[in-house]
Structures are given as structure tokens and as C-alpha cells.
Amino acid sequence: MFSRVLALLAVLLLSANTWAAIEINNHQARNMDDVQSLGVIYINHNFATESEARQALNEETDAQGATYYHVILMREPGSNVLPRNSDAGTGE
């Protein structure tokens, strides 16, 4: 009996990843006729690495029950900030 329960737990543990949302690329998103966009997931956090940002996105898509997701924009913190150089734009 114990071995059956252990085997069942092992199968459930290994299949847990199949419930996670799947990231798709541009080509796949364009060719999926049966997929309907249900909204946008926006995560406004500063992460140290891209993998941390993707992990947070995976958690959010799972929380919202998404089957597929497509990253449209991922930007490094500070990448949209203008230079703070006081000589910027003066031609000097």
C-alpha cells in the first residue's frame, strides 16, 4: 500500500509542471487560431536577473489560470531613463 501511495505522489510531482502556462514565441502566437487573448499581465518589479523576472511571470500566469503566454516587452530597470549628464544636448 505504501509503495502505491509513493508511486502516486511521484507521478503527481512529475506532472505538476504540465499545469504551468507555456511561453510561446511570436511565430507560434500568430499561428494559433484557437487562442484568444484574455488580457495583459503586467509585472512592475525590479529583478536582478531575467530568470527572476521570468519566474515571477510564470507564477503570475499560473495564478491567473493562463494556458499560454507571450512576453511582449521586458526591459531592464533604468533603461528608459534619460542620461543625467549636465552637458547632454549642449554640443560641448
PDB file of N, CA and C in Angstrom:
ATOM      1  N   MET A   1       0.824  -1.199   0.000  1.00  0.00           N
ATOM      2  CA  MET A   1       0.000   0.000   0.000  1.00  0.00           C
ATOM      3  C   MET A   1       0.868   1.263   0.000  1.00  0.00           C
ATOM      4  N   PHE A   2       1.906   1.247   0.833  1.00  0.00           N
ATOM      5  CA  PHE A   2       2.796   2.405   0.920  1.00  0.00           C
ATOM      6  C   PHE A   2       3.477   2.667  -0.418  1.00  0.00           C
ATOM      7  N   SER A   3       3.874   1.597  -1.107  1.00  0.00           N
ATOM      8  CA  SER A   3       4.551   1.786  -2.392  1.00  0.00           C
ATOM      9  C   SER A   3       3.609   2.374  -3.442  1.00  0.00           C
ATOM     10  N   ARG A   4       2.323   2.024  -3.386  1.00  0.00           N
ATOM     11  CA  ARG A   4       1.357   2.603  -4.321  1.00  0.00           C
ATOM     12  C   ARG A   4       1.169   4.097  -4.066  1.00  0.00           C
ATOM     13  N   VAL A   5       1.079   4.473  -2.808  1.00  0.00           N
ATOM     14  CA  VAL A   5       0.924   5.881  -2.456  1.00  0.00           C
ATOM     15  C   VAL A   5       2.166   6.654  -2.870  1.00  0.00           C
ATOM     16  N   LEU A   6       3.334   6.073  -2.632  1.00  0.00           N
ATOM     17  CA  LEU A   6       4.583   6.714  -3.011  1.00  0.00           C
ATOM     18  C   LEU A   6       4.671   6.879  -4.531  1.00  0.00           C
ATOM     19  N   ALA A   7       4.258   5.865  -5.269  1.00  0.00           N
ATOM     20  CA  ALA A   7       4.269   5.946  -6.731  1.00  0.00           C
ATOM     21  C   ALA A   7       3.294   7.019  -7.228  1.00  0.00           C
ATOM     22  N   LEU A   8       2.121   7.101  -6.609  1.00  0.00           N
ATOM     23  CA  LEU A   8       1.146   8.121  -6.991  1.00  0.00           C
ATOM     24  C   LEU A   8       1.675   9.524  -6.713  1.00  0.00           C
ATOM     25  N   LEU A   9       2.312   9.709  -5.574  1.00  0.00           N
ATOM     26  CA  LEU A   9       2.893  11.008  -5.249  1.00  0.00           C
ATOM     27  C   LEU A   9       4.003  11.384  -6.226  1.00  0.00           C
ATOM     28  N   ALA A  10       4.799  10.403  -6.628  1.00  0.00           N
ATOM     29  CA  ALA A  10       5.869  10.665  -7.590  1.00  0.00           C
ATOM     30  C   ALA A  10       5.294  11.096  -8.939  1.00  0.00           C
ATOM     31  N   VAL A  11       4.230  10.445  -9.380  1.00  0.00           N
ATOM     32  CA  VAL A  11       3.590  10.808 -10.646  1.00  0.00           C
ATOM     33  C   VAL A  11       3.002  12.211 -10.561  1.00  0.00           C
ATOM     34  N   LEU A  12       2.345  12.532  -9.463  1.00  0.00           N
ATOM     35  CA  LEU A  12       1.778  13.872  -9.301  1.00  0.00           C
ATOM     36  C   LEU A  12       2.858  14.937  -9.266  1.00  0.00           C
ATOM     37  N   LEU A  13       3.963  14.636  -8.616  1.00  0.00           N
ATOM     38  CA  LEU A  13       5.062  15.591  -8.546  1.00  0.00           C
ATOM     39  C   LEU A  13       5.666  15.833  -9.920  1.00  0.00           C
ATOM     40  N   LEU A  14       5.850  14.783 -10.683  1.00  0.00           N
ATOM     41  CA  LEU A  14       6.438  14.915 -12.018  1.00  0.00           C
ATOM     42  C   LEU A  14       5.486  15.579 -13.005  1.00  0.00           C
ATOM     43  N   SER A  15       4.192  15.428 -12.801  1.00  0.00           N
ATOM     44  CA  SER A  15       3.240  16.025 -13.739  1.00  0.00           C
ATOM     45  C   SER A  15       2.831  17.435 -13.337  1.00  0.00           C
ATOM     46  N   ALA A  16       3.330  17.946 -12.238  1.00  0.00           N
ATOM     47  CA  ALA A  16       2.961  19.292 -11.783  1.00  0.00           C
ATOM     48  C   ALA A  16       3.381  20.354 -12.790  1.00  0.00           C
ATOM     49  N   ASN A  17       4.472  20.132 -13.487  1.00  0.00           N
ATOM     50  CA  ASN A  17       4.930  21.109 -14.471  1.00  0.00           C
ATOM     51  C   ASN A  17       4.017  21.191 -15.683  1.00  0.00           C
ATOM     52  N   THR A  18       3.218  20.176 -15.933  1.00  0.00           N
ATOM     53  CA  THR A  18       2.319  20.217 -17.083  1.00  0.00           C
ATOM     54  C   THR A  18       1.161  21.175 -16.858  1.00  0.00           C
ATOM     55  N   TRP A  19       0.924  21.573 -15.628  1.00  0.00           N
ATOM     56  CA  TRP A  19      -0.144  22.521 -15.333  1.00  0.00           C
ATOM     57  C   TRP A  19       0.309  23.961 -15.520  1.00  0.00           C
ATOM     58  N   ALA A  20       1.586  24.194 -15.629  1.00  0.00           N
ATOM     59  CA  ALA A  20       2.107  25.557 -15.760  1.00  0.00           C
ATOM     60  C   ALA A  20       1.805  26.098 -17.155  1.00  0.00           C
ATOM     61  N   ALA A  21       1.658  27.410 -17.244  1.00  0.00           N
ATOM     62  CA  ALA A  21       1.433  28.053 -18.539  1.00  0.00           C
ATOM     63  C   ALA A  21       2.684  27.912 -19.400  1.00  0.00           C
ATOM     64  N   ILE A  22       2.481  27.820 -20.690  1.00  0.00           N
ATOM     65  CA  ILE A  22       3.570  27.611 -21.639  1.00  0.00           C
ATOM     66  C   ILE A  22       3.880  28.926 -22.338  1.00  0.00           C
ATOM     67  N   GLU A  23       5.154  29.313 -22.342  1.00  0.00           N
ATOM     68  CA  GLU A  23       5.559  30.522 -23.057  1.00  0.00           C
ATOM     69  C   GLU A  23       5.677  30.200 -24.541  1.00  0.00           C
ATOM     70  N   ILE A  24       5.090  31.048 -25.373  1.00  0.00           N
ATOM     71  CA  ILE A  24       5.156  30.856 -26.818  1.00  0.00           C
ATOM     72  C   ILE A  24       5.840  32.062 -27.454  1.00  0.00           C
ATOM     73  N   ASN A  25       6.411  31.855 -28.662  1.00  0.00           N
ATOM     74  CA  ASN A  25       7.100  32.952 -29.351  1.00  0.00           C
ATOM     75  C   ASN A  25       6.154  33.645 -30.332  1.00  0.00           C
ATOM     76  N   ASN A  26       6.654  34.672 -31.030  1.00  0.00           N
ATOM     77  CA  ASN A  26       5.827  35.445 -31.973  1.00  0.00           C
ATOM     78  C   ASN A  26       5.200  34.563 -33.044  1.00  0.00           C
ATOM     79  N   HIS A  27       5.998  33.693 -33.631  1.00  0.00           N
ATOM     80  CA  HIS A  27       5.518  32.833 -34.716  1.00  0.00           C
ATOM     81  C   HIS A  27       4.393  31.925 -34.223  1.00  0.00           C
ATOM     82  N   GLN A  28       4.585  31.314 -33.070  1.00  0.00           N
ATOM     83  CA  GLN A  28       3.553  30.442 -32.516  1.00  0.00           C
ATOM     84  C   GLN A  28       2.286  31.228 -32.192  1.00  0.00           C
ATOM     85  N   ALA A  29       2.444  32.426 -31.642  1.00  0.00           N
ATOM     86  CA  ALA A  29       1.278  33.237 -31.286  1.00  0.00           C
ATOM     87  C   ALA A  29       0.464  33.605 -32.524  1.00  0.00           C
ATOM     88  N   ARG A  30       1.133  33.921 -33.630  1.00  0.00           N
ATOM     89  CA  ARG A  30       0.422  34.283 -34.867  1.00  0.00           C
ATOM     90  C   ARG A  30      -0.302  33.092 -35.471  1.00  0.00           C
ATOM     91  N   ASN A  31       0.232  31.886 -35.297  1.00  0.00           N
ATOM     92  CA  ASN A  31      -0.332  30.704 -35.942  1.00  0.00           C
ATOM     93  C   ASN A  31      -1.333  29.944 -35.080  1.00  0.00           C
ATOM     94  N   MET A  32      -1.666  30.458 -33.934  1.00  0.00           N
ATOM     95  CA  MET A  32      -2.615  29.767 -33.056  1.00  0.00           C
ATOM     96  C   MET A  32      -3.996  30.390 -33.238  1.00  0.00           C
ATOM     97  N   ASP A  33      -4.767  29.814 -34.154  1.00  0.00           N
ATOM     98  CA  ASP A  33      -6.091  30.351 -34.470  1.00  0.00           C
ATOM     99  C   ASP A  33      -7.088  30.184 -33.330  1.00  0.00           C
ATOM    100  N   ASP A  34      -6.905  29.147 -32.523  1.00  0.00           N
ATOM    101  CA  ASP A  34      -7.886  28.852 -31.486  1.00  0.00           C
ATOM    102  C   ASP A  34      -7.569  29.509 -30.142  1.00  0.00           C
ATOM    103  N   VAL A  35      -6.571  30.379 -30.104  1.00  0.00           N
ATOM    104  CA  VAL A  35      -6.197  31.029 -28.849  1.00  0.00           C
ATOM    105  C   VAL A  35      -6.738  32.449 -28.845  1.00  0.00           C
ATOM    106  N   GLN A  36      -7.369  32.806 -27.754  1.00  0.00           N
ATOM    107  CA  GLN A  36      -7.929  34.146 -27.613  1.00  0.00           C
ATOM    108  C   GLN A  36      -7.213  34.856 -26.477  1.00  0.00           C
ATOM    109  N   SER A  37      -6.838  36.094 -26.707  1.00  0.00           N
ATOM    110  CA  SER A  37      -6.199  36.883 -25.665  1.00  0.00           C
ATOM    111  C   SER A  37      -7.238  37.263 -24.625  1.00  0.00           C
ATOM    112  N   LEU A  38      -6.919  36.989 -23.386  1.00  0.00           N
ATOM    113  CA  LEU A  38      -7.846  37.305 -22.307  1.00  0.00           C
ATOM    114  C   LEU A  38      -7.369  38.463 -21.459  1.00  0.00           C
ATOM    115  N   GLY A  39      -6.222  39.026 -21.789  1.00  0.00           N
ATOM    116  CA  GLY A  39      -5.759  40.165 -21.021  1.00  0.00           C
ATOM    117  C   GLY A  39      -4.257  40.287 -21.029  1.00  0.00           C
ATOM    118  N   VAL A  40      -3.801  41.233 -20.249  1.00  0.00           N
ATOM    119  CA  VAL A  40      -2.381  41.538 -20.151  1.00  0.00           C
ATOM    120  C   VAL A  40      -1.947  41.346 -18.711  1.00  0.00           C
ATOM    121  N   ILE A  41      -0.810  40.724 -18.535  1.00  0.00           N
ATOM    122  CA  ILE A  41      -0.213  40.586 -17.211  1.00  0.00           C
ATOM    123  C   ILE A  41       0.967  41.532 -17.169  1.00  0.00           C
ATOM    124  N   TYR A  42       0.930  42.463 -16.243  1.00  0.00           N
ATOM    125  CA  TYR A  42       1.973  43.473 -16.123  1.00  0.00           C
ATOM    126  C   TYR A  42       2.629  43.314 -14.769  1.00  0.00           C
ATOM    127  N   ILE A  43       3.927  43.076 -14.773  1.00  0.00           N
ATOM    128  CA  ILE A  43       4.675  42.938 -13.528  1.00  0.00           C
ATOM    129  C   ILE A  43       5.640  44.103 -13.451  1.00  0.00           C
ATOM    130  N   ASN A  44       5.442  44.967 -12.483  1.00  0.00           N
ATOM    131  CA  ASN A  44       6.272  46.158 -12.327  1.00  0.00           C
ATOM    132  C   ASN A  44       7.180  45.969 -11.119  1.00  0.00           C
ATOM    133  N   HIS A  45       8.220  45.194 -11.312  1.00  0.00           N
ATOM    134  CA  HIS A  45       9.184  44.937 -10.247  1.00  0.00           C
ATOM    135  C   HIS A  45      10.582  45.062 -10.824  1.00  0.00           C
ATOM    136  N   ASN A  46      11.517  45.363  -9.976  1.00  0.00           N
ATOM    137  CA  ASN A  46      12.918  45.344 -10.385  1.00  0.00           C
ATOM    138  C   ASN A  46      13.509  44.007  -9.970  1.00  0.00           C
ATOM    139  N   PHE A  47      13.991  43.263 -10.941  1.00  0.00           N
ATOM    140  CA  PHE A  47      14.596  41.966 -10.686  1.00  0.00           C
ATOM    141  C   PHE A  47      16.071  42.037 -11.030  1.00  0.00           C
ATOM    142  N   ALA A  48      16.863  41.234 -10.342  1.00  0.00           N
ATOM    143  CA  ALA A  48      18.302  41.231 -10.583  1.00  0.00           C
ATOM    144  C   ALA A  48      18.642  40.541 -11.901  1.00  0.00           C
ATOM    145  N   THR A  49      17.869  39.522 -12.259  1.00  0.00           N
ATOM    146  CA  THR A  49      18.178  38.763 -13.468  1.00  0.00           C
ATOM    147  C   THR A  49      16.914  38.536 -14.295  1.00  0.00           C
ATOM    148  N   GLU A  50      17.122  38.186 -15.552  1.00  0.00           N
ATOM    149  CA  GLU A  50      15.997  37.858 -16.426  1.00  0.00           C
ATOM    150  C   GLU A  50      15.283  36.608 -15.939  1.00  0.00           C
ATOM    151  N   SER A  51      16.033  35.644 -15.413  1.00  0.00           N
ATOM    152  CA  SER A  51      15.399  34.411 -14.937  1.00  0.00           C
ATOM    153  C   SER A  51      14.475  34.678 -13.750  1.00  0.00           C
ATOM    154  N   GLU A  52      14.826  35.640 -12.890  1.00  0.00           N
ATOM    155  CA  GLU A  52      13.934  36.001 -11.783  1.00  0.00           C
ATOM    156  C   GLU A  52      12.649  36.632 -12.312  1.00  0.00           C
ATOM    157  N   ALA A  53      12.774  37.461 -13.337  1.00  0.00           N
ATOM    158  CA  ALA A  53      11.590  38.083 -13.937  1.00  0.00           C
ATOM    159  C   ALA A  53      10.702  37.026 -14.580  1.00  0.00           C
ATOM    160  N   ARG A  54      11.305  36.083 -15.280  1.00  0.00           N
ATOM    161  CA  ARG A  54      10.525  35.014 -15.908  1.00  0.00           C
ATOM    162  C   ARG A  54       9.858  34.127 -14.861  1.00  0.00           C
ATOM    163  N   GLN A  55      10.535  33.870 -13.746  1.00  0.00           N
ATOM    164  CA  GLN A  55       9.939  33.080 -12.671  1.00  0.00           C
ATOM    165  C   GLN A  55       8.716  33.796 -12.100  1.00  0.00           C
ATOM    166  N   ALA A  56       8.820  35.108 -11.885  1.00  0.00           N
ATOM    167  CA  ALA A  56       7.680  35.885 -11.381  1.00  0.00           C
ATOM    168  C   ALA A  56       6.532  35.871 -12.385  1.00  0.00           C
ATOM    169  N   LEU A  57       6.856  35.949 -13.666  1.00  0.00           N
ATOM    170  CA  LEU A  57       5.833  35.902 -14.706  1.00  0.00           C
ATOM    171  C   LEU A  57       5.156  34.536 -14.733  1.00  0.00           C
ATOM    172  N   ASN A  58       5.934  33.471 -14.594  1.00  0.00           N
ATOM    173  CA  ASN A  58       5.360  32.125 -14.534  1.00  0.00           C
ATOM    174  C   ASN A  58       4.393  31.997 -13.369  1.00  0.00           C
ATOM    175  N   GLU A  59       4.776  32.517 -12.219  1.00  0.00           N
ATOM    176  CA  GLU A  59       3.910  32.445 -11.043  1.00  0.00           C
ATOM    177  C   GLU A  59       2.617  33.223 -11.264  1.00  0.00           C
ATOM    178  N   GLU A  60       2.722  34.388 -11.891  1.00  0.00           N
ATOM    179  CA  GLU A  60       1.526  35.212 -12.129  1.00  0.00           C
ATOM    180  C   GLU A  60       0.606  34.570 -13.160  1.00  0.00           C
ATOM    181  N   THR A  61       1.163  33.985 -14.219  1.00  0.00           N
ATOM    182  CA  THR A  61       0.320  33.328 -15.221  1.00  0.00           C
ATOM    183  C   THR A  61      -0.383  32.123 -14.616  1.00  0.00           C
ATOM    184  N   ASP A  62       0.312  31.383 -13.765  1.00  0.00           N
ATOM    185  CA  ASP A  62      -0.324  30.253 -13.091  1.00  0.00           C
ATOM    186  C   ASP A  62      -1.438  30.726 -12.166  1.00  0.00           C
ATOM    187  N   ALA A  63      -1.201  31.822 -11.447  1.00  0.00           N
ATOM    188  CA  ALA A  63      -2.208  32.350 -10.526  1.00  0.00           C
ATOM    189  C   ALA A  63      -3.464  32.794 -11.278  1.00  0.00           C
ATOM    190  N   GLN A  64      -3.295  33.283 -12.497  1.00  0.00           N
ATOM    191  CA  GLN A  64      -4.441  33.742 -13.286  1.00  0.00           C
ATOM    192  C   GLN A  64      -5.037  32.640 -14.159  1.00  0.00           C
ATOM    193  N   GLY A  65      -4.464  31.441 -14.104  1.00  0.00           N
ATOM    194  CA  GLY A  65      -5.012  30.311 -14.842  1.00  0.00           C
ATOM    195  C   GLY A  65      -4.728  30.326 -16.329  1.00  0.00           C
ATOM    196  N   ALA A  66      -3.653  30.968 -16.737  1.00  0.00           N
ATOM    197  CA  ALA A  66      -3.311  31.040 -18.162  1.00  0.00           C
ATOM    198  C   ALA A  66      -2.809  29.690 -18.666  1.00  0.00           C
ATOM    199  N   THR A  67      -3.104  29.395 -19.917  1.00  0.00           N
ATOM    200  CA  THR A  67      -2.586  28.189 -20.559  1.00  0.00           C
ATOM    201  C   THR A  67      -1.322  28.511 -21.339  1.00  0.00           C
ATOM    202  N   TYR A  68      -1.343  29.624 -22.056  1.00  0.00           N
ATOM    203  CA  TYR A  68      -0.199  30.090 -22.830  1.00  0.00           C
ATOM    204  C   TYR A  68       0.050  31.555 -22.501  1.00  0.00           C
ATOM    205  N   TYR A  69       1.302  31.978 -22.664  1.00  0.00           N
ATOM    206  CA  TYR A  69       1.601  33.404 -22.537  1.00  0.00           C
ATOM    207  C   TYR A  69       2.735  33.765 -23.472  1.00  0.00           C
ATOM    208  N   HIS A  70       2.769  35.045 -23.833  1.00  0.00           N
ATOM    209  CA  HIS A  70       3.783  35.545 -24.760  1.00  0.00           C
ATOM    210  C   HIS A  70       4.338  36.845 -24.202  1.00  0.00           C
ATOM    211  N   VAL A  71       5.638  36.906 -24.008  1.00  0.00           N
ATOM    212  CA  VAL A  71       6.279  38.113 -23.497  1.00  0.00           C
ATOM    213  C   VAL A  71       6.377  39.120 -24.630  1.00  0.00           C
ATOM    214  N   ILE A  72       5.795  40.287 -24.430  1.00  0.00           N
ATOM    215  CA  ILE A  72       5.832  41.334 -25.443  1.00  0.00           C
ATOM    216  C   ILE A  72       6.977  42.296 -25.179  1.00  0.00           C
ATOM    217  N   LEU A  73       7.182  42.662 -23.936  1.00  0.00           N
ATOM    218  CA  LEU A  73       8.225  43.619 -23.603  1.00  0.00           C
ATOM    219  C   LEU A  73       8.835  43.260 -22.264  1.00  0.00           C
ATOM    220  N   MET A  74      10.156  43.185 -22.239  1.00  0.00           N
ATOM    221  CA  MET A  74      10.893  43.007 -20.996  1.00  0.00           C
ATOM    222  C   MET A  74      12.024  44.022 -21.041  1.00  0.00           C
ATOM    223  N   ARG A  75      12.065  44.889 -20.058  1.00  0.00           N
ATOM    224  CA  ARG A  75      13.029  45.974 -20.081  1.00  0.00           C
ATOM    225  C   ARG A  75      13.820  45.977 -18.784  1.00  0.00           C
ATOM    226  N   GLU A  76      15.114  46.256 -18.905  1.00  0.00           N
ATOM    227  CA  GLU A  76      15.963  46.354 -17.725  1.00  0.00           C
ATOM    228  C   GLU A  76      15.636  47.627 -16.961  1.00  0.00           C
ATOM    229  N   PRO A  77      15.701  47.576 -15.631  1.00  0.00           N
ATOM    230  CA  PRO A  77      15.434  48.778 -14.842  1.00  0.00           C
ATOM    231  C   PRO A  77      16.372  49.913 -15.242  1.00  0.00           C
ATOM    232  N   GLY A  78      15.813  51.098 -15.397  1.00  0.00           N
ATOM    233  CA  GLY A  78      16.607  52.262 -15.749  1.00  0.00           C
ATOM    234  C   GLY A  78      16.873  52.413 -17.228  1.00  0.00           C
ATOM    235  N   SER A  79      16.409  51.494 -18.054  1.00  0.00           N
ATOM    236  CA  SER A  79      16.709  51.574 -19.484  1.00  0.00           C
ATOM    237  C   SER A  79      15.927  52.681 -20.183  1.00  0.00           C
ATOM    238  N   ASN A  80      14.905  53.224 -19.539  1.00  0.00           N
ATOM    239  CA  ASN A  80      14.134  54.302 -20.150  1.00  0.00           C
ATOM    240  C   ASN A  80      14.430  55.656 -19.507  1.00  0.00           C
ATOM    241  N   VAL A  81      15.495  55.724 -18.755  1.00  0.00           N
ATOM    242  CA  VAL A  81      15.871  56.953 -18.066  1.00  0.00           C
ATOM    243  C   VAL A  81      16.827  57.744 -18.946  1.00  0.00           C
ATOM    244  N   LEU A  82      16.603  59.050 -19.052  1.00  0.00           N
ATOM    245  CA  LEU A  82      17.495  59.902 -19.834  1.00  0.00           C
ATOM    246  C   LEU A  82      18.829  60.059 -19.110  1.00  0.00           C
ATOM    247  N   PRO A  83      19.916  60.292 -19.842  1.00  0.00           N
ATOM    248  CA  PRO A  83      21.225  60.483 -19.207  1.00  0.00           C
ATOM    249  C   PRO A  83      21.200  61.678 -18.266  1.00  0.00           C
ATOM    250  N   ARG A  84      21.923  61.583 -17.169  1.00  0.00           N
ATOM    251  CA  ARG A  84      21.940  62.657 -16.183  1.00  0.00           C
ATOM    252  C   ARG A  84      23.128  63.590 -16.390  1.00  0.00           C
ATOM    253  N   ASN A  85      23.794  63.476 -17.509  1.00  0.00           N
ATOM    254  CA  ASN A  85      24.942  64.319 -17.811  1.00  0.00           C
ATOM    255  C   ASN A  85      24.468  65.743 -18.061  1.00  0.00           C
ATOM    256  N   SER A  86      25.021  66.703 -17.343  1.00  0.00           N
ATOM    257  CA  SER A  86      24.580  68.096 -17.492  1.00  0.00           C
ATOM    258  C   SER A  86      24.974  68.679 -18.842  1.00  0.00           C
ATOM    259  N   ASP A  87      25.960  68.070 -19.529  1.00  0.00           N
ATOM    260  CA  ASP A  87      26.389  68.551 -20.840  1.00  0.00           C
ATOM    261  C   ASP A  87      25.598  67.909 -21.970  1.00  0.00           C
ATOM    262  N   ALA A  88      24.668  67.017 -21.640  1.00  0.00           N
ATOM    263  CA  ALA A  88      23.932  66.301 -22.681  1.00  0.00           C
ATOM    264  C   ALA A  88      23.110  67.272 -23.509  1.00  0.00           C
ATOM    265  N   GLY A  89      23.278  67.209 -24.801  1.00  0.00           N
ATOM    266  CA  GLY A  89      22.492  68.016 -25.721  1.00  0.00           C
ATOM    267  C   GLY A  89      23.004  69.427 -25.928  1.00  0.00           C
ATOM    268  N   THR A  90      24.120  69.784 -25.332  1.00  0.00           N
ATOM    269  CA  THR A  90      24.630  71.148 -25.500  1.00  0.00           C
ATOM    270  C   THR A  90      25.625  71.249 -26.633  1.00  0.00           C
ATOM    271  N   GLY A  91      26.107  70.110 -27.129  1.00  0.00           N
ATOM    272  CA  GLY A  91      27.072  70.111 -28.217  1.00  0.00           C
ATOM    273  C   GLY A  91      28.490  70.370 -27.758  1.00  0.00           C
ATOM    274  N   GLU A  92      28.737  70.415 -26.472  1.00  0.00           N
ATOM    275  CA  GLU A  92      30.096  70.679 -25.965  1.00  0.00           C
ATOM    276  C   GLU A  92      30.864  69.406 -25.760  1.00  0.00           C
TER     277      GLU A  92
END
